[in-house]
Amino acid sequence: MPYPLRIEYPAPTNAQLALIGDRYGHDPVVRRLLMEVQALRNLVWRAHQVAEAAGPGGRTDAFSIAVEALHSELAVETWFHEGKAAQEAYRASLTDEPTPHERRTMRVARKW
């Protein structure tokens, strides 16, 4: 469950942060705060990558408990889901490249 202040003041979206940067980006304090927000978001993304690499939970050790808490916290972060959607859209837009094994098979087939 999100904190009461997060309900009252939800995290700004990427578009809202860009708008703040456009309007007030000339102010060094605002620019520094926006850089800190981005740095913290990058840290959250990296923690998410570690949690995903750890695989499915089910264990009761401290790491698994922390991973579960991270997932529950990220479930309510709109900016995180916005970024995940953009990432998935980018991946879907890429052309399907053949795997190294498929490339090798094609090269061998051309030689015959």
PDB file of N, CA and C in Angstrom:
ATOM      1  N   MET A   1       0.842  -1.183   0.000  1.00  0.00           N
ATOM      2  CA  MET A   1       0.000   0.000   0.000  1.00  0.00           C
ATOM      3  C   MET A   1       0.882   1.239   0.000  1.00  0.00           C
ATOM      4  N   PRO A   2       0.581   2.193  -0.858  1.00  0.00           N
ATOM      5  CA  PRO A   2       1.413   3.395  -0.919  1.00  0.00           C
ATOM      6  C   PRO A   2       1.220   4.273   0.322  1.00  0.00           C
ATOM      7  N   TYR A   3       2.208   5.084   0.560  1.00  0.00           N
ATOM      8  CA  TYR A   3       2.151   6.006   1.676  1.00  0.00           C
ATOM      9  C   TYR A   3       1.079   7.062   1.420  1.00  0.00           C
ATOM     10  N   PRO A   4       0.454   7.607   2.490  1.00  0.00           N
ATOM     11  CA  PRO A   4      -0.607   8.608   2.289  1.00  0.00           C
ATOM     12  C   PRO A   4      -0.150   9.826   1.496  1.00  0.00           C
ATOM     13  N   LEU A   5       1.099  10.273   1.710  1.00  0.00           N
ATOM     14  CA  LEU A   5       1.577  11.429   0.945  1.00  0.00           C
ATOM     15  C   LEU A   5       1.719  11.102  -0.534  1.00  0.00           C
ATOM     16  N   ARG A   6       2.073   9.855  -0.855  1.00  0.00           N
ATOM     17  CA  ARG A   6       2.196   9.468  -2.268  1.00  0.00           C
ATOM     18  C   ARG A   6       0.834   9.431  -2.931  1.00  0.00           C
ATOM     19  N   ILE A   7      -0.216   9.137  -2.153  1.00  0.00           N
ATOM     20  CA  ILE A   7      -1.573   9.152  -2.701  1.00  0.00           C
ATOM     21  C   ILE A   7      -1.990  10.587  -2.977  1.00  0.00           C
ATOM     22  N   GLU A   8      -1.686  11.461  -2.025  1.00  0.00           N
ATOM     23  CA  GLU A   8      -2.056  12.864  -2.186  1.00  0.00           C
ATOM     24  C   GLU A   8      -1.207  13.563  -3.246  1.00  0.00           C
ATOM     25  N   TYR A   9       0.075  13.211  -3.289  1.00  0.00           N
ATOM     26  CA  TYR A   9       1.005  13.820  -4.245  1.00  0.00           C
ATOM     27  C   TYR A   9       1.687  12.709  -5.043  1.00  0.00           C
ATOM     28  N   PRO A  10       1.046  12.227  -6.101  1.00  0.00           N
ATOM     29  CA  PRO A  10       1.659  11.138  -6.880  1.00  0.00           C
ATOM     30  C   PRO A  10       2.915  11.616  -7.602  1.00  0.00           C
ATOM     31  N   ALA A  11       3.753  10.657  -7.922  1.00  0.00           N
ATOM     32  CA  ALA A  11       4.997  10.975  -8.624  1.00  0.00           C
ATOM     33  C   ALA A  11       4.676  11.579  -9.987  1.00  0.00           C
ATOM     34  N   PRO A  12       5.420  12.595 -10.387  1.00  0.00           N
ATOM     35  CA  PRO A  12       5.176  13.196 -11.704  1.00  0.00           C
ATOM     36  C   PRO A  12       5.582  12.237 -12.822  1.00  0.00           C
ATOM     37  N   THR A  13       4.870  12.335 -13.920  1.00  0.00           N
ATOM     38  CA  THR A  13       5.193  11.527 -15.085  1.00  0.00           C
ATOM     39  C   THR A  13       6.429  12.108 -15.768  1.00  0.00           C
ATOM     40  N   ASN A  14       6.949  11.382 -16.734  1.00  0.00           N
ATOM     41  CA  ASN A  14       8.104  11.881 -17.488  1.00  0.00           C
ATOM     42  C   ASN A  14       7.747  13.162 -18.235  1.00  0.00           C
ATOM     43  N   ALA A  15       6.525  13.227 -18.764  1.00  0.00           N
ATOM     44  CA  ALA A  15       6.098  14.420 -19.484  1.00  0.00           C
ATOM     45  C   ALA A  15       6.009  15.624 -18.541  1.00  0.00           C
ATOM     46  N   GLN A  16       5.519  15.409 -17.328  1.00  0.00           N
ATOM     47  CA  GLN A  16       5.439  16.499 -16.361  1.00  0.00           C
ATOM     48  C   GLN A  16       6.826  16.983 -15.957  1.00  0.00           C
ATOM     49  N   LEU A  17       7.762  16.069 -15.779  1.00  0.00           N
ATOM     50  CA  LEU A  17       9.130  16.472 -15.445  1.00  0.00           C
ATOM     51  C   LEU A  17       9.776  17.238 -16.600  1.00  0.00           C
ATOM     52  N   ALA A  18       9.492  16.810 -17.822  1.00  0.00           N
ATOM     53  CA  ALA A  18      10.029  17.526 -18.980  1.00  0.00           C
ATOM     54  C   ALA A  18       9.457  18.941 -19.045  1.00  0.00           C
ATOM     55  N   LEU A  19       8.172  19.070 -18.727  1.00  0.00           N
ATOM     56  CA  LEU A  19       7.530  20.387 -18.718  1.00  0.00           C
ATOM     57  C   LEU A  19       8.155  21.286 -17.650  1.00  0.00           C
ATOM     58  N   ILE A  20       8.409  20.729 -16.471  1.00  0.00           N
ATOM     59  CA  ILE A  20       9.077  21.492 -15.412  1.00  0.00           C
ATOM     60  C   ILE A  20      10.469  21.913 -15.870  1.00  0.00           C
ATOM     61  N   GLY A  21      11.178  21.006 -16.529  1.00  0.00           N
ATOM     62  CA  GLY A  21      12.501  21.338 -17.037  1.00  0.00           C
ATOM     63  C   GLY A  21      12.461  22.437 -18.081  1.00  0.00           C
ATOM     64  N   ASP A  22      11.450  22.396 -18.944  1.00  0.00           N
ATOM     65  CA  ASP A  22      11.323  23.435 -19.972  1.00  0.00           C
ATOM     66  C   ASP A  22      10.997  24.792 -19.358  1.00  0.00           C
ATOM     67  N   ARG A  23      10.107  24.798 -18.365  1.00  0.00           N
ATOM     68  CA  ARG A  23       9.686  26.063 -17.764  1.00  0.00           C
ATOM     69  C   ARG A  23      10.732  26.663 -16.831  1.00  0.00           C
ATOM     70  N   TYR A  24      11.323  25.812 -15.991  1.00  0.00           N
ATOM     71  CA  TYR A  24      12.179  26.317 -14.922  1.00  0.00           C
ATOM     72  C   TYR A  24      13.613  25.785 -15.004  1.00  0.00           C
ATOM     73  N   GLY A  25      13.977  25.187 -16.131  1.00  0.00           N
ATOM     74  CA  GLY A  25      15.291  24.578 -16.275  1.00  0.00           C
ATOM     75  C   GLY A  25      16.445  25.547 -16.208  1.00  0.00           C
ATOM     76  N   HIS A  26      16.163  26.824 -16.384  1.00  0.00           N
ATOM     77  CA  HIS A  26      17.231  27.828 -16.294  1.00  0.00           C
ATOM     78  C   HIS A  26      17.690  28.035 -14.859  1.00  0.00           C
ATOM     79  N   ASP A  27      16.843  27.659 -13.895  1.00  0.00           N
ATOM     80  CA  ASP A  27      17.188  27.780 -12.478  1.00  0.00           C
ATOM     81  C   ASP A  27      18.090  26.608 -12.091  1.00  0.00           C
ATOM     82  N   PRO A  28      19.306  26.874 -11.589  1.00  0.00           N
ATOM     83  CA  PRO A  28      20.221  25.781 -11.270  1.00  0.00           C
ATOM     84  C   PRO A  28      19.695  24.839 -10.187  1.00  0.00           C
ATOM     85  N   VAL A  29      18.897  25.347  -9.260  1.00  0.00           N
ATOM     86  CA  VAL A  29      18.351  24.497  -8.202  1.00  0.00           C
ATOM     87  C   VAL A  29      17.348  23.514  -8.800  1.00  0.00           C
ATOM     88  N   VAL A  30      16.482  24.003  -9.659  1.00  0.00           N
ATOM     89  CA  VAL A  30      15.493  23.130 -10.302  1.00  0.00           C
ATOM     90  C   VAL A  30      16.195  22.108 -11.179  1.00  0.00           C
ATOM     91  N   ARG A  31      17.195  22.557 -11.931  1.00  0.00           N
ATOM     92  CA  ARG A  31      17.942  21.635 -12.783  1.00  0.00           C
ATOM     93  C   ARG A  31      18.591  20.533 -11.948  1.00  0.00           C
ATOM     94  N   ARG A  32      19.170  20.910 -10.806  1.00  0.00           N
ATOM     95  CA  ARG A  32      19.808  19.926  -9.933  1.00  0.00           C
ATOM     96  C   ARG A  32      18.791  18.959  -9.348  1.00  0.00           C
ATOM     97  N   LEU A  33      17.618  19.457  -8.961  1.00  0.00           N
ATOM     98  CA  LEU A  33      16.569  18.580  -8.431  1.00  0.00           C
ATOM     99  C   LEU A  33      16.080  17.602  -9.497  1.00  0.00           C
ATOM    100  N   LEU A  34      15.935  18.074 -10.724  1.00  0.00           N
ATOM    101  CA  LEU A  34      15.519  17.179 -11.806  1.00  0.00           C
ATOM    102  C   LEU A  34      16.575  16.117 -12.070  1.00  0.00           C
ATOM    103  N   MET A  35      17.844  16.497 -11.955  1.00  0.00           N
ATOM    104  CA  MET A  35      18.917  15.516 -12.130  1.00  0.00           C
ATOM    105  C   MET A  35      18.887  14.477 -11.021  1.00  0.00           C
ATOM    106  N   GLU A  36      18.580  14.906  -9.797  1.00  0.00           N
ATOM    107  CA  GLU A  36      18.484  13.964  -8.678  1.00  0.00           C
ATOM    108  C   GLU A  36      17.303  13.023  -8.852  1.00  0.00           C
ATOM    109  N   VAL A  37      16.183  13.544  -9.326  1.00  0.00           N
ATOM    110  CA  VAL A  37      15.022  12.683  -9.579  1.00  0.00           C
ATOM    111  C   VAL A  37      15.390  11.624 -10.613  1.00  0.00           C
ATOM    112  N   GLN A  38      16.063  12.037 -11.677  1.00  0.00           N
ATOM    113  CA  GLN A  38      16.457  11.080 -12.709  1.00  0.00           C
ATOM    114  C   GLN A  38      17.452  10.067 -12.167  1.00  0.00           C
ATOM    115  N   ALA A  39      18.381  10.505 -11.338  1.00  0.00           N
ATOM    116  CA  ALA A  39      19.353   9.576 -10.753  1.00  0.00           C
ATOM    117  C   ALA A  39      18.655   8.546  -9.865  1.00  0.00           C
ATOM    118  N   LEU A  40      17.677   8.985  -9.090  1.00  0.00           N
ATOM    119  CA  LEU A  40      16.938   8.046  -8.242  1.00  0.00           C
ATOM    120  C   LEU A  40      16.112   7.082  -9.075  1.00  0.00           C
ATOM    121  N   ARG A  41      15.540   7.571 -10.153  1.00  0.00           N
ATOM    122  CA  ARG A  41      14.785   6.679 -11.034  1.00  0.00           C
ATOM    123  C   ARG A  41      15.708   5.653 -11.680  1.00  0.00           C
ATOM    124  N   ASN A  42      16.904   6.068 -12.060  1.00  0.00           N
ATOM    125  CA  ASN A  42      17.866   5.117 -12.621  1.00  0.00           C
ATOM    126  C   ASN A  42      18.233   4.050 -11.600  1.00  0.00           C
ATOM    127  N   LEU A  43      18.365   4.457 -10.354  1.00  0.00           N
ATOM    128  CA  LEU A  43      18.670   3.513  -9.287  1.00  0.00           C
ATOM    129  C   LEU A  43      17.532   2.506  -9.105  1.00  0.00           C
ATOM    130  N   VAL A  44      16.304   2.981  -9.193  1.00  0.00           N
ATOM    131  CA  VAL A  44      15.148   2.083  -9.086  1.00  0.00           C
ATOM    132  C   VAL A  44      15.130   1.101 -10.252  1.00  0.00           C
ATOM    133  N   TRP A  45      15.436   1.574 -11.462  1.00  0.00           N
ATOM    134  CA  TRP A  45      15.484   0.675 -12.621  1.00  0.00           C
ATOM    135  C   TRP A  45      16.539  -0.404 -12.420  1.00  0.00           C
ATOM    136  N   ARG A  46      17.704  -0.018 -11.900  1.00  0.00           N
ATOM    137  CA  ARG A  46      18.777  -0.982 -11.685  1.00  0.00           C
ATOM    138  C   ARG A  46      18.365  -1.999 -10.623  1.00  0.00           C
ATOM    139  N   ALA A  47      17.709  -1.556  -9.557  1.00  0.00           N
ATOM    140  CA  ALA A  47      17.229  -2.480  -8.532  1.00  0.00           C
ATOM    141  C   ALA A  47      16.197  -3.434  -9.121  1.00  0.00           C
ATOM    142  N   HIS A  48      15.362  -2.934 -10.010  1.00  0.00           N
ATOM    143  CA  HIS A  48      14.372  -3.789 -10.670  1.00  0.00           C
ATOM    144  C   HIS A  48      15.068  -4.847 -11.526  1.00  0.00           C
ATOM    145  N   GLN A  49      16.131  -4.456 -12.226  1.00  0.00           N
ATOM    146  CA  GLN A  49      16.868  -5.422 -13.040  1.00  0.00           C
ATOM    147  C   GLN A  49      17.471  -6.521 -12.167  1.00  0.00           C
ATOM    148  N   VAL A  50      18.003  -6.159 -11.006  1.00  0.00           N
ATOM    149  CA  VAL A  50      18.562  -7.151 -10.093  1.00  0.00           C
ATOM    150  C   VAL A  50      17.464  -8.090  -9.609  1.00  0.00           C
ATOM    151  N   ALA A  51      16.317  -7.531  -9.270  1.00  0.00           N
ATOM    152  CA  ALA A  51      15.204  -8.352  -8.789  1.00  0.00           C
ATOM    153  C   ALA A  51      14.710  -9.302  -9.878  1.00  0.00           C
ATOM    154  N   GLU A  52      14.658  -8.835 -11.119  1.00  0.00           N
ATOM    155  CA  GLU A  52      14.229  -9.688 -12.225  1.00  0.00           C
ATOM    156  C   GLU A  52      15.247 -10.796 -12.472  1.00  0.00           C
ATOM    157  N   ALA A  53      16.524 -10.477 -12.353  1.00  0.00           N
ATOM    158  CA  ALA A  53      17.568 -11.476 -12.575  1.00  0.00           C
ATOM    159  C   ALA A  53      17.572 -12.533 -11.482  1.00  0.00           C
ATOM    160  N   ALA A  54      17.068 -12.189 -10.307  1.00  0.00           N
ATOM    161  CA  ALA A  54      17.044 -13.138  -9.198  1.00  0.00           C
ATOM    162  C   ALA A  54      16.031 -14.253  -9.433  1.00  0.00           C
ATOM    163  N   GLY A  55      15.109 -14.024 -10.339  1.00  0.00           N
ATOM    164  CA  GLY A  55      14.128 -15.051 -10.640  1.00  0.00           C
ATOM    165  C   GLY A  55      12.953 -15.027  -9.687  1.00  0.00           C
ATOM    166  N   PRO A  56      12.071 -16.003  -9.836  1.00  0.00           N
ATOM    167  CA  PRO A  56      10.878 -16.026  -8.981  1.00  0.00           C
ATOM    168  C   PRO A  56      11.258 -16.251  -7.523  1.00  0.00           C
ATOM    169  N   GLY A  57      10.470 -15.666  -6.661  1.00  0.00           N
ATOM    170  CA  GLY A  57      10.748 -15.742  -5.222  1.00  0.00           C
ATOM    171  C   GLY A  57      10.259 -17.036  -4.622  1.00  0.00           C
ATOM    172  N   GLY A  58       9.659 -16.928  -3.467  1.00  0.00           N
ATOM    173  CA  GLY A  58       9.191 -18.105  -2.771  1.00  0.00           C
ATOM    174  C   GLY A  58      10.066 -18.463  -1.597  1.00  0.00           C
ATOM    175  N   ARG A  59      11.273 -17.894  -1.566  1.00  0.00           N
ATOM    176  CA  ARG A  59      12.162 -18.172  -0.442  1.00  0.00           C
ATOM    177  C   ARG A  59      11.833 -17.193   0.691  1.00  0.00           C
ATOM    178  N   THR A  60      12.363 -17.463   1.837  1.00  0.00           N
ATOM    179  CA  THR A  60      12.097 -16.597   2.985  1.00  0.00           C
ATOM    180  C   THR A  60      13.347 -15.894   3.481  1.00  0.00           C
ATOM    181  N   ASP A  61      14.393 -15.848   2.656  1.00  0.00           N
ATOM    182  CA  ASP A  61      15.594 -15.144   3.078  1.00  0.00           C
ATOM    183  C   ASP A  61      15.396 -13.633   2.908  1.00  0.00           C
ATOM    184  N   ALA A  62      16.330 -12.870   3.429  1.00  0.00           N
ATOM    185  CA  ALA A  62      16.205 -11.410   3.434  1.00  0.00           C
ATOM    186  C   ALA A  62      16.140 -10.842   2.021  1.00  0.00           C
ATOM    187  N   PHE A  63      16.910 -11.403   1.096  1.00  0.00           N
ATOM    188  CA  PHE A  63      16.911 -10.899  -0.274  1.00  0.00           C
ATOM    189  C   PHE A  63      15.539 -11.080  -0.920  1.00  0.00           C
ATOM    190  N   SER A  64      14.942 -12.233  -0.752  1.00  0.00           N
ATOM    191  CA  SER A  64      13.628 -12.489  -1.344  1.00  0.00           C
ATOM    192  C   SER A  64      12.555 -11.585  -0.754  1.00  0.00           C
ATOM    193  N   ILE A  65      12.660 -11.328   0.532  1.00  0.00           N
ATOM    194  CA  ILE A  65      11.701 -10.421   1.171  1.00  0.00           C
ATOM    195  C   ILE A  65      11.868  -9.010   0.610  1.00  0.00           C
ATOM    196  N   ALA A  66      13.114  -8.586   0.405  1.00  0.00           N
ATOM    197  CA  ALA A  66      13.383  -7.262  -0.151  1.00  0.00           C
ATOM    198  C   ALA A  66      12.897  -7.173  -1.594  1.00  0.00           C
ATOM    199  N   VAL A  67      13.086  -8.235  -2.365  1.00  0.00           N
ATOM    200  CA  VAL A  67      12.620  -8.251  -3.759  1.00  0.00           C
ATOM    201  C   VAL A  67      11.103  -8.154  -3.805  1.00  0.00           C
ATOM    202  N   GLU A  68      10.420  -8.877  -2.951  1.00  0.00           N
ATOM    203  CA  GLU A  68       8.965  -8.818  -2.908  1.00  0.00           C
ATOM    204  C   GLU A  68       8.483  -7.421  -2.528  1.00  0.00           C
ATOM    205  N   ALA A  69       9.161  -6.798  -1.564  1.00  0.00           N
ATOM    206  CA  ALA A  69       8.810  -5.432  -1.169  1.00  0.00           C
ATOM    207  C   ALA A  69       9.040  -4.460  -2.322  1.00  0.00           C
ATOM    208  N   LEU A  70      10.129  -4.651  -3.058  1.00  0.00           N
ATOM    209  CA  LEU A  70      10.405  -3.796  -4.216  1.00  0.00           C
ATOM    210  C   LEU A  70       9.300  -3.918  -5.253  1.00  0.00           C
ATOM    211  N   HIS A  71       8.893  -5.139  -5.549  1.00  0.00           N
ATOM    212  CA  HIS A  71       7.826  -5.334  -6.534  1.00  0.00           C
ATOM    213  C   HIS A  71       6.514  -4.697  -6.076  1.00  0.00           C
ATOM    214  N   SER A  72       6.195  -4.802  -4.800  1.00  0.00           N
ATOM    215  CA  SER A  72       4.948  -4.200  -4.328  1.00  0.00           C
ATOM    216  C   SER A  72       5.020  -2.677  -4.356  1.00  0.00           C
ATOM    217  N   GLU A  73       6.187  -2.113  -4.078  1.00  0.00           N
ATOM    218  CA  GLU A  73       6.348  -0.658  -4.158  1.00  0.00           C
ATOM    219  C   GLU A  73       6.251  -0.175  -5.609  1.00  0.00           C
ATOM    220  N   LEU A  74       6.868  -0.922  -6.527  1.00  0.00           N
ATOM    221  CA  LEU A  74       6.850  -0.515  -7.932  1.00  0.00           C
ATOM    222  C   LEU A  74       5.480  -0.685  -8.574  1.00  0.00           C
ATOM    223  N   ALA A  75       4.650  -1.514  -7.998  1.00  0.00           N
ATOM    224  CA  ALA A  75       3.317  -1.750  -8.565  1.00  0.00           C
ATOM    225  C   ALA A  75       2.479  -0.481  -8.596  1.00  0.00           C
ATOM    226  N   VAL A  76       2.747   0.476  -7.721  1.00  0.00           N
ATOM    227  CA  VAL A  76       1.941   1.698  -7.672  1.00  0.00           C
ATOM    228  C   VAL A  76       2.643   2.897  -8.303  1.00  0.00           C
ATOM    229  N   GLU A  77       3.837   2.707  -8.824  1.00  0.00           N
ATOM    230  CA  GLU A  77       4.582   3.815  -9.427  1.00  0.00           C
ATOM    231  C   GLU A  77       4.198   3.962 -10.897  1.00  0.00           C
ATOM    232  N   THR A  78       3.446   5.005 -11.197  1.00  0.00           N
ATOM    233  CA  THR A  78       2.979   5.208 -12.568  1.00  0.00           C
ATOM    234  C   THR A  78       4.132   5.495 -13.522  1.00  0.00           C
ATOM    235  N   TRP A  79       5.139   6.255 -13.068  1.00  0.00           N
ATOM    236  CA  TRP A  79       6.259   6.575 -13.946  1.00  0.00           C
ATOM    237  C   TRP A  79       7.030   5.323 -14.330  1.00  0.00           C
ATOM    238  N   PHE A  80       7.065   4.338 -13.424  1.00  0.00           N
ATOM    239  CA  PHE A  80       7.776   3.099 -13.713  1.00  0.00           C
ATOM    240  C   PHE A  80       7.052   2.313 -14.798  1.00  0.00           C
ATOM    241  N   HIS A  81       5.736   2.227 -14.690  1.00  0.00           N
ATOM    242  CA  HIS A  81       4.959   1.511 -15.700  1.00  0.00           C
ATOM    243  C   HIS A  81       4.994   2.240 -17.044  1.00  0.00           C
ATOM    244  N   GLU A  82       5.066   3.560 -16.987  1.00  0.00           N
ATOM    245  CA  GLU A  82       5.201   4.357 -18.205  1.00  0.00           C
ATOM    246  C   GLU A  82       6.515   4.013 -18.909  1.00  0.00           C
ATOM    247  N   GLY A  83       7.576   3.893 -18.135  1.00  0.00           N
ATOM    248  CA  GLY A  83       8.884   3.539 -18.697  1.00  0.00           C
ATOM    249  C   GLY A  83       8.920   2.119 -19.224  1.00  0.00           C
ATOM    250  N   LYS A  84       8.276   1.191 -18.509  1.00  0.00           N
ATOM    251  CA  LYS A  84       8.228  -0.197 -18.970  1.00  0.00           C
ATOM    252  C   LYS A  84       7.471  -0.293 -20.293  1.00  0.00           C
ATOM    253  N   ALA A  85       6.373   0.460 -20.418  1.00  0.00           N
ATOM    254  CA  ALA A  85       5.600   0.440 -21.660  1.00  0.00           C
ATOM    255  C   ALA A  85       6.415   0.994 -22.817  1.00  0.00           C
ATOM    256  N   ALA A  86       7.155   2.057 -22.567  1.00  0.00           N
ATOM    257  CA  ALA A  86       8.003   2.627 -23.614  1.00  0.00           C
ATOM    258  C   ALA A  86       9.106   1.647 -24.007  1.00  0.00           C
ATOM    259  N   GLN A  87       9.663   0.962 -23.026  1.00  0.00           N
ATOM    260  CA  GLN A  87      10.708  -0.026 -23.300  1.00  0.00           C
ATOM    261  C   GLN A  87      10.158  -1.184 -24.126  1.00  0.00           C
ATOM    262  N   GLU A  88       8.984  -1.673 -23.784  1.00  0.00           N
ATOM    263  CA  GLU A  88       8.380  -2.777 -24.532  1.00  0.00           C
ATOM    264  C   GLU A  88       8.003  -2.344 -25.946  1.00  0.00           C
ATOM    265  N   ALA A  89       7.531  -1.107 -26.108  1.00  0.00           N
ATOM    266  CA  ALA A  89       7.208  -0.604 -27.440  1.00  0.00           C
ATOM    267  C   ALA A  89       8.462  -0.505 -28.296  1.00  0.00           C
ATOM    268  N   TYR A  90       9.559  -0.086 -27.695  1.00  0.00           N
ATOM    269  CA  TYR A  90      10.823  -0.007 -28.425  1.00  0.00           C
ATOM    270  C   TYR A  90      11.281  -1.388 -28.865  1.00  0.00           C
ATOM    271  N   ARG A  91      11.220  -2.345 -27.951  1.00  0.00           N
ATOM    272  CA  ARG A  91      11.634  -3.703 -28.290  1.00  0.00           C
ATOM    273  C   ARG A  91      10.754  -4.302 -29.379  1.00  0.00           C
ATOM    274  N   ALA A  92       9.469  -3.991 -29.345  1.00  0.00           N
ATOM    275  CA  ALA A  92       8.556  -4.508 -30.360  1.00  0.00           C
ATOM    276  C   ALA A  92       8.826  -3.870 -31.725  1.00  0.00           C
ATOM    277  N   SER A  93       9.360  -2.647 -31.727  1.00  0.00           N
ATOM    278  CA  SER A  93       9.616  -1.964 -32.991  1.00  0.00           C
ATOM    279  C   SER A  93      10.875  -2.467 -33.685  1.00  0.00           C
ATOM    280  N   LEU A  94      11.748  -3.141 -32.943  1.00  0.00           N
ATOM    281  CA  LEU A  94      12.974  -3.657 -33.544  1.00  0.00           C
ATOM    282  C   LEU A  94      12.650  -4.823 -34.470  1.00  0.00           C
ATOM    283  N   THR A  95      13.397  -4.929 -35.533  1.00  0.00           N
ATOM    284  CA  THR A  95      13.201  -6.059 -36.426  1.00  0.00           C
ATOM    285  C   THR A  95      13.772  -7.305 -35.773  1.00  0.00           C
ATOM    286  N   ASP A  96      13.213  -8.427 -36.119  1.00  0.00           N
ATOM    287  CA  ASP A  96      13.708  -9.683 -35.563  1.00  0.00           C
ATOM    288  C   ASP A  96      15.006 -10.068 -36.264  1.00  0.00           C
ATOM    289  N   GLU A  97      16.084  -9.988 -35.545  1.00  0.00           N
ATOM    290  CA  GLU A  97      17.384 -10.375 -36.063  1.00  0.00           C
ATOM    291  C   GLU A  97      17.565 -11.872 -35.881  1.00  0.00           C
ATOM    292  N   PRO A  98      18.208 -12.521 -36.821  1.00  0.00           N
ATOM    293  CA  PRO A  98      18.470 -13.951 -36.617  1.00  0.00           C
ATOM    294  C   PRO A  98      19.484 -14.155 -35.494  1.00  0.00           C
ATOM    295  N   THR A  99      19.339 -15.268 -34.819  1.00  0.00           N
ATOM    296  CA  THR A  99      20.273 -15.598 -33.744  1.00  0.00           C
ATOM    297  C   THR A  99      21.615 -15.989 -34.364  1.00  0.00           C
ATOM    298  N   PRO A 100      22.676 -16.002 -33.588  1.00  0.00           N
ATOM    299  CA  PRO A 100      23.977 -16.428 -34.132  1.00  0.00           C
ATOM    300  C   PRO A 100      23.918 -17.836 -34.727  1.00  0.00           C
ATOM    301  N   HIS A 101      23.154 -18.719 -34.115  1.00  0.00           N
ATOM    302  CA  HIS A 101      23.020 -20.078 -34.657  1.00  0.00           C
ATOM    303  C   HIS A 101      22.323 -20.053 -36.026  1.00  0.00           C
ATOM    304  N   GLU A 102      21.292 -19.232 -36.155  1.00  0.00           N
ATOM    305  CA  GLU A 102      20.589 -19.124 -37.435  1.00  0.00           C
ATOM    306  C   GLU A 102      21.493 -18.510 -38.496  1.00  0.00           C
ATOM    307  N   ARG A 103      22.302 -17.533 -38.136  1.00  0.00           N
ATOM    308  CA  ARG A 103      23.238 -16.936 -39.096  1.00  0.00           C
ATOM    309  C   ARG A 103      24.241 -17.967 -39.590  1.00  0.00           C
ATOM    310  N   ARG A 104      24.765 -18.764 -38.672  1.00  0.00           N
ATOM    311  CA  ARG A 104      25.720 -19.798 -39.039  1.00  0.00           C
ATOM    312  C   ARG A 104      25.069 -20.804 -39.984  1.00  0.00           C
ATOM    313  N   THR A 105      23.831 -21.200 -39.696  1.00  0.00           N
ATOM    314  CA  THR A 105      23.116 -22.145 -40.550  1.00  0.00           C
ATOM    315  C   THR A 105      22.918 -21.560 -41.950  1.00  0.00           C
ATOM    316  N   MET A 106      22.594 -20.261 -42.024  1.00  0.00           N
ATOM    317  CA  MET A 106      22.407 -19.620 -43.334  1.00  0.00           C
ATOM    318  C   MET A 106      23.705 -19.577 -44.113  1.00  0.00           C
ATOM    319  N   ARG A 107      24.831 -19.292 -43.415  1.00  0.00           N
ATOM    320  CA  ARG A 107      26.124 -19.238 -44.103  1.00  0.00           C
ATOM    321  C   ARG A 107      26.488 -20.613 -44.655  1.00  0.00           C
ATOM    322  N   VAL A 108      26.259 -21.645 -43.868  1.00  0.00           N
ATOM    323  CA  VAL A 108      26.579 -23.009 -44.308  1.00  0.00           C
ATOM    324  C   VAL A 108      25.699 -23.376 -45.494  1.00  0.00           C
ATOM    325  N   ALA A 109      24.439 -22.989 -45.456  1.00  0.00           N
ATOM    326  CA  ALA A 109      23.518 -23.318 -46.545  1.00  0.00           C
ATOM    327  C   ALA A 109      23.944 -22.618 -47.830  1.00  0.00           C
ATOM    328  N   ARG A 110      24.481 -21.414 -47.738  1.00  0.00           N
ATOM    329  CA  ARG A 110      24.918 -20.685 -48.939  1.00  0.00           C
ATOM    330  C   ARG A 110      26.143 -21.348 -49.559  1.00  0.00           C
ATOM    331  N   LYS A 111      26.961 -21.967 -48.750  1.00  0.00           N
ATOM    332  CA  LYS A 111      28.187 -22.590 -49.281  1.00  0.00           C
ATOM    333  C   LYS A 111      27.875 -23.814 -50.122  1.00  0.00           C
ATOM    334  N   TRP A 112      26.755 -24.485 -49.884  1.00  0.00           N
ATOM    335  CA  TRP A 112      26.440 -25.705 -50.633  1.00  0.00           C
ATOM    336  C   TRP A 112      25.832 -25.354 -51.908  1.00  0.00           C
TER     337      TRP A 112
END
